[in-house]
Amino acid sequence: MATVELRFSAQPEHVRTARLVAAAVARRAGVDEAVLDEVRLAVGEACSRAVGLHRSHGVADPVRVVLTEEEKTFSIEVGDGVSGTGGAGSSAAGGGDSPADHEGDAEGEDEMGLAVISGLVDDVEVVSGDDGGIIRMSWPTTPPATAS
């Protein structure tokens, strides 16, 4: 099992780098070429969402992306580090406690981002805990051809 971990400050300009790294590691892991665009888009959406949550909640910790290559699967976890707000599960938690108007907009964007990810990835899981939320996504890999 090979793992690559990427941490970046919650700045929108770093999302592109995360997308490029994810696509490169996915390709090396054996994810089908036809699926690489979906990997890029899903990682971009998950990272953009995490950046938005970090910025809106004043979280100074970096966004964490873990890319794991297993025997038949390639998986990516994007952690947002936002605790006490429902994190990645905020859409299931029914929203925040603050009546501020902009939170309604943020919640709508959050739900839209999760809907996009769910449309791109067949195997996706969204969890939240004390350390924040995590979006887990995985794709099947094709074993490399062996020489005869």
C-alpha atoms as a PDB file:
ATOM      1  CA  MET A   1       0.000   0.000   0.000  1.00  0.00           C
ATOM      2  CA  ALA A   2       1.527   3.297  -1.123  1.00  0.00           C
ATOM      3  CA  THR A   3       0.344   6.558   0.403  1.00  0.00           C
ATOM      4  CA  VAL A   4       0.986  10.169  -0.553  1.00  0.00           C
ATOM      5  CA  GLU A   5      -0.042  12.919   1.852  1.00  0.00           C
ATOM      6  CA  LEU A   6      -0.450  16.505   0.760  1.00  0.00           C
ATOM      7  CA  ARG A   7      -1.080  19.430   3.112  1.00  0.00           C
ATOM      8  CA  PHE A   8      -1.675  22.962   1.909  1.00  0.00           C
ATOM      9  CA  SER A   9      -2.770  26.268   3.371  1.00  0.00           C
ATOM     10  CA  ALA A  10      -6.417  27.092   2.766  1.00  0.00           C
ATOM     11  CA  GLN A  11      -5.833  29.241  -0.299  1.00  0.00           C
ATOM     12  CA  PRO A  12      -7.847  28.711  -3.499  1.00  0.00           C
ATOM     13  CA  GLU A  13      -4.716  28.825  -5.657  1.00  0.00           C
ATOM     14  CA  HIS A  14      -3.433  25.608  -4.034  1.00  0.00           C
ATOM     15  CA  VAL A  15      -6.456  23.578  -5.182  1.00  0.00           C
ATOM     16  CA  ARG A  16      -5.024  23.312  -8.702  1.00  0.00           C
ATOM     17  CA  THR A  17      -1.836  21.765  -7.329  1.00  0.00           C
ATOM     18  CA  ALA A  18      -3.873  19.219  -5.354  1.00  0.00           C
ATOM     19  CA  ARG A  19      -5.781  18.299  -8.530  1.00  0.00           C
ATOM     20  CA  LEU A  20      -2.557  17.801 -10.500  1.00  0.00           C
ATOM     21  CA  VAL A  21      -0.962  15.674  -7.770  1.00  0.00           C
ATOM     22  CA  ALA A  22      -4.123  13.551  -7.439  1.00  0.00           C
ATOM     23  CA  ALA A  23      -4.267  12.920 -11.182  1.00  0.00           C
ATOM     24  CA  ALA A  24      -0.578  11.977 -11.337  1.00  0.00           C
ATOM     25  CA  VAL A  25      -0.826   9.574  -8.386  1.00  0.00           C
ATOM     26  CA  ALA A  26      -4.088   8.097  -9.743  1.00  0.00           C
ATOM     27  CA  ARG A  27      -2.451   7.474 -13.123  1.00  0.00           C
ATOM     28  CA  ARG A  28       0.534   5.784 -11.454  1.00  0.00           C
ATOM     29  CA  ALA A  29      -1.855   3.691  -9.315  1.00  0.00           C
ATOM     30  CA  GLY A  30      -3.560   2.305 -12.429  1.00  0.00           C
ATOM     31  CA  VAL A  31      -6.815   4.286 -12.510  1.00  0.00           C
ATOM     32  CA  ASP A  32      -8.270   4.085 -16.019  1.00  0.00           C
ATOM     33  CA  GLU A  33      -7.328   7.067 -18.234  1.00  0.00           C
ATOM     34  CA  ALA A  34     -11.021   7.687 -18.996  1.00  0.00           C
ATOM     35  CA  VAL A  35     -11.676   8.267 -15.272  1.00  0.00           C
ATOM     36  CA  LEU A  36      -8.796  10.675 -14.579  1.00  0.00           C
ATOM     37  CA  ASP A  37     -10.879  13.755 -15.411  1.00  0.00           C
ATOM     38  CA  GLU A  38     -13.448  12.624 -12.840  1.00  0.00           C
ATOM     39  CA  VAL A  39     -10.668  12.198 -10.270  1.00  0.00           C
ATOM     40  CA  ARG A  40      -9.382  15.721 -11.005  1.00  0.00           C
ATOM     41  CA  LEU A  41     -12.834  17.279 -10.827  1.00  0.00           C
ATOM     42  CA  ALA A  42     -13.832  15.434  -7.639  1.00  0.00           C
ATOM     43  CA  VAL A  43     -10.579  16.327  -5.864  1.00  0.00           C
ATOM     44  CA  GLY A  44     -10.882  19.931  -7.024  1.00  0.00           C
ATOM     45  CA  GLU A  45     -14.428  20.137  -5.699  1.00  0.00           C
ATOM     46  CA  ALA A  46     -13.550  18.502  -2.359  1.00  0.00           C
ATOM     47  CA  CYS A  47     -10.483  20.708  -1.887  1.00  0.00           C
ATOM     48  CA  SER A  48     -12.351  23.890  -2.865  1.00  0.00           C
ATOM     49  CA  ARG A  49     -15.030  22.968  -0.352  1.00  0.00           C
ATOM     50  CA  ALA A  50     -12.426  22.362   2.372  1.00  0.00           C
ATOM     51  CA  VAL A  51     -10.722  25.692   1.584  1.00  0.00           C
ATOM     52  CA  GLY A  52     -14.073  27.472   1.828  1.00  0.00           C
ATOM     53  CA  LEU A  53     -14.867  25.840   5.170  1.00  0.00           C
ATOM     54  CA  HIS A  54     -11.432  26.697   6.560  1.00  0.00           C
ATOM     55  CA  ARG A  55     -11.722  30.321   5.478  1.00  0.00           C
ATOM     56  CA  SER A  56     -15.301  30.820   6.647  1.00  0.00           C
ATOM     57  CA  HIS A  57     -14.584  29.276  10.069  1.00  0.00           C
ATOM     58  CA  GLY A  58     -11.138  30.836  10.558  1.00  0.00           C
ATOM     59  CA  VAL A  59      -9.290  27.506  10.687  1.00  0.00           C
ATOM     60  CA  ALA A  60      -5.518  28.004  10.386  1.00  0.00           C
ATOM     61  CA  ASP A  61      -4.670  24.298  10.001  1.00  0.00           C
ATOM     62  CA  PRO A  62      -3.795  23.103   6.497  1.00  0.00           C
ATOM     63  CA  VAL A  63      -6.187  21.205   4.269  1.00  0.00           C
ATOM     64  CA  ARG A  64      -5.128  17.549   4.243  1.00  0.00           C
ATOM     65  CA  VAL A  65      -5.312  15.259   1.216  1.00  0.00           C
ATOM     66  CA  VAL A  66      -4.316  11.585   1.534  1.00  0.00           C
ATOM     67  CA  LEU A  67      -3.943   9.528  -1.653  1.00  0.00           C
ATOM     68  CA  THR A  68      -3.713   5.777  -1.097  1.00  0.00           C
ATOM     69  CA  GLU A  69      -2.880   3.109  -3.645  1.00  0.00           C
ATOM     70  CA  GLU A  70      -4.029  -0.379  -2.663  1.00  0.00           C
ATOM     71  CA  GLU A  71      -4.070  -3.627  -4.611  1.00  0.00           C
ATOM     72  CA  LYS A  72      -7.343  -3.014  -6.468  1.00  0.00           C
ATOM     73  CA  THR A  73      -8.352   0.463  -5.344  1.00  0.00           C
ATOM     74  CA  PHE A  74      -7.132   4.033  -5.380  1.00  0.00           C
ATOM     75  CA  SER A  75      -8.629   6.220  -2.659  1.00  0.00           C
ATOM     76  CA  ILE A  76      -8.473   9.874  -1.714  1.00  0.00           C
ATOM     77  CA  GLU A  77      -9.418  11.497   1.584  1.00  0.00           C
ATOM     78  CA  VAL A  78      -9.843  15.253   1.827  1.00  0.00           C
ATOM     79  CA  GLY A  79     -10.030  16.529   5.402  1.00  0.00           C
ATOM     80  CA  ASP A  80     -11.431  19.955   6.187  1.00  0.00           C
ATOM     81  CA  GLY A  81     -10.367  20.232   9.854  1.00  0.00           C
ATOM     82  CA  VAL A  82     -13.516  22.188  10.794  1.00  0.00           C
ATOM     83  CA  SER A  83     -14.740  20.833  14.125  1.00  0.00           C
ATOM     84  CA  GLY A  84     -17.938  21.707  15.927  1.00  0.00           C
ATOM     85  CA  THR A  85     -19.723  22.787  12.764  1.00  0.00           C
ATOM     86  CA  GLY A  86     -20.721  19.475  11.280  1.00  0.00           C
ATOM     87  CA  GLY A  87     -17.664  19.597   9.008  1.00  0.00           C
ATOM     88  CA  ALA A  88     -18.146  17.467   5.920  1.00  0.00           C
ATOM     89  CA  GLY A  89     -21.449  16.209   7.271  1.00  0.00           C
ATOM     90  CA  SER A  90     -23.006  19.648   7.631  1.00  0.00           C
ATOM     91  CA  SER A  91     -25.602  18.942   4.957  1.00  0.00           C
ATOM     92  CA  ALA A  92     -26.768  15.912   6.918  1.00  0.00           C
ATOM     93  CA  ALA A  93     -26.644  17.813  10.195  1.00  0.00           C
ATOM     94  CA  GLY A  94     -29.200  20.345   9.025  1.00  0.00           C
ATOM     95  CA  GLY A  95     -27.012  23.458   8.922  1.00  0.00           C
ATOM     96  CA  GLY A  96     -25.340  25.743  11.415  1.00  0.00           C
ATOM     97  CA  ASP A  97     -26.646  27.400  14.561  1.00  0.00           C
ATOM     98  CA  SER A  98     -25.837  30.981  13.556  1.00  0.00           C
ATOM     99  CA  PRO A  99     -28.639  33.010  11.948  1.00  0.00           C
ATOM    100  CA  ALA A 100     -26.209  34.944   9.726  1.00  0.00           C
ATOM    101  CA  ASP A 101     -27.544  35.240   6.173  1.00  0.00           C
ATOM    102  CA  HIS A 102     -24.279  34.282   4.479  1.00  0.00           C
ATOM    103  CA  GLU A 103     -24.268  30.892   6.195  1.00  0.00           C
ATOM    104  CA  GLY A 104     -27.346  29.902   4.207  1.00  0.00           C
ATOM    105  CA  ASP A 105     -25.426  30.657   1.010  1.00  0.00           C
ATOM    106  CA  ALA A 106     -22.396  28.706   2.251  1.00  0.00           C
ATOM    107  CA  GLU A 107     -24.598  25.755   3.162  1.00  0.00           C
ATOM    108  CA  GLY A 108     -26.157  25.778  -0.312  1.00  0.00           C
ATOM    109  CA  GLU A 109     -22.707  25.825  -1.922  1.00  0.00           C
ATOM    110  CA  ASP A 110     -21.625  23.016   0.429  1.00  0.00           C
ATOM    111  CA  GLU A 111     -24.574  20.838  -0.585  1.00  0.00           C
ATOM    112  CA  MET A 112     -23.972  21.614  -4.258  1.00  0.00           C
ATOM    113  CA  GLY A 113     -20.305  20.618  -3.932  1.00  0.00           C
ATOM    114  CA  LEU A 114     -21.250  17.323  -2.279  1.00  0.00           C
ATOM    115  CA  ALA A 115     -23.829  16.678  -5.017  1.00  0.00           C
ATOM    116  CA  VAL A 116     -21.192  17.254  -7.710  1.00  0.00           C
ATOM    117  CA  ILE A 117     -18.770  14.885  -5.969  1.00  0.00           C
ATOM    118  CA  SER A 118     -21.484  12.232  -5.590  1.00  0.00           C
ATOM    119  CA  GLY A 119     -22.235  12.538  -9.298  1.00  0.00           C
ATOM    120  CA  LEU A 120     -18.593  12.064 -10.228  1.00  0.00           C
ATOM    121  CA  VAL A 121     -17.618   9.281  -7.830  1.00  0.00           C
ATOM    122  CA  ASP A 122     -19.464   5.986  -7.405  1.00  0.00           C
ATOM    123  CA  ASP A 123     -17.792   5.182  -4.077  1.00  0.00           C
ATOM    124  CA  VAL A 124     -17.921   8.265  -1.851  1.00  0.00           C
ATOM    125  CA  GLU A 125     -18.348   8.622   1.908  1.00  0.00           C
ATOM    126  CA  VAL A 126     -18.772  11.836   3.887  1.00  0.00           C
ATOM    127  CA  VAL A 127     -18.062  11.735   7.618  1.00  0.00           C
ATOM    128  CA  SER A 128     -17.554  14.301  10.344  1.00  0.00           C
ATOM    129  CA  GLY A 129     -15.967  14.052  13.748  1.00  0.00           C
ATOM    130  CA  ASP A 130     -14.198  16.019  16.434  1.00  0.00           C
ATOM    131  CA  ASP A 131     -11.252  16.690  14.107  1.00  0.00           C
ATOM    132  CA  GLY A 132     -13.452  17.904  11.261  1.00  0.00           C
ATOM    133  CA  GLY A 133     -14.968  16.391   8.172  1.00  0.00           C
ATOM    134  CA  ILE A 134     -13.541  13.955   5.672  1.00  0.00           C
ATOM    135  CA  ILE A 135     -14.648  13.135   2.170  1.00  0.00           C
ATOM    136  CA  ARG A 136     -13.461   9.653   1.157  1.00  0.00           C
ATOM    137  CA  MET A 137     -13.545   8.734  -2.515  1.00  0.00           C
ATOM    138  CA  SER A 138     -12.257   5.629  -4.258  1.00  0.00           C
ATOM    139  CA  TRP A 139     -11.865   4.238  -7.752  1.00  0.00           C
ATOM    140  CA  PRO A 140     -10.963   0.772  -9.045  1.00  0.00           C
ATOM    141  CA  THR A 141      -7.496   0.266 -10.485  1.00  0.00           C
ATOM    142  CA  THR A 142      -6.270  -1.952 -13.274  1.00  0.00           C
ATOM    143  CA  PRO A 143      -3.270  -4.062 -12.385  1.00  0.00           C
ATOM    144  CA  PRO A 144      -0.246  -3.385 -14.598  1.00  0.00           C
ATOM    145  CA  ALA A 145       0.281  -5.852 -17.419  1.00  0.00           C
ATOM    146  CA  THR A 146       2.985  -8.366 -16.673  1.00  0.00           C
ATOM    147  CA  ALA A 147       5.551  -9.294 -19.275  1.00  0.00           C
ATOM    148  CA  SER A 148       5.326 -12.886 -20.509  1.00  0.00           C
END
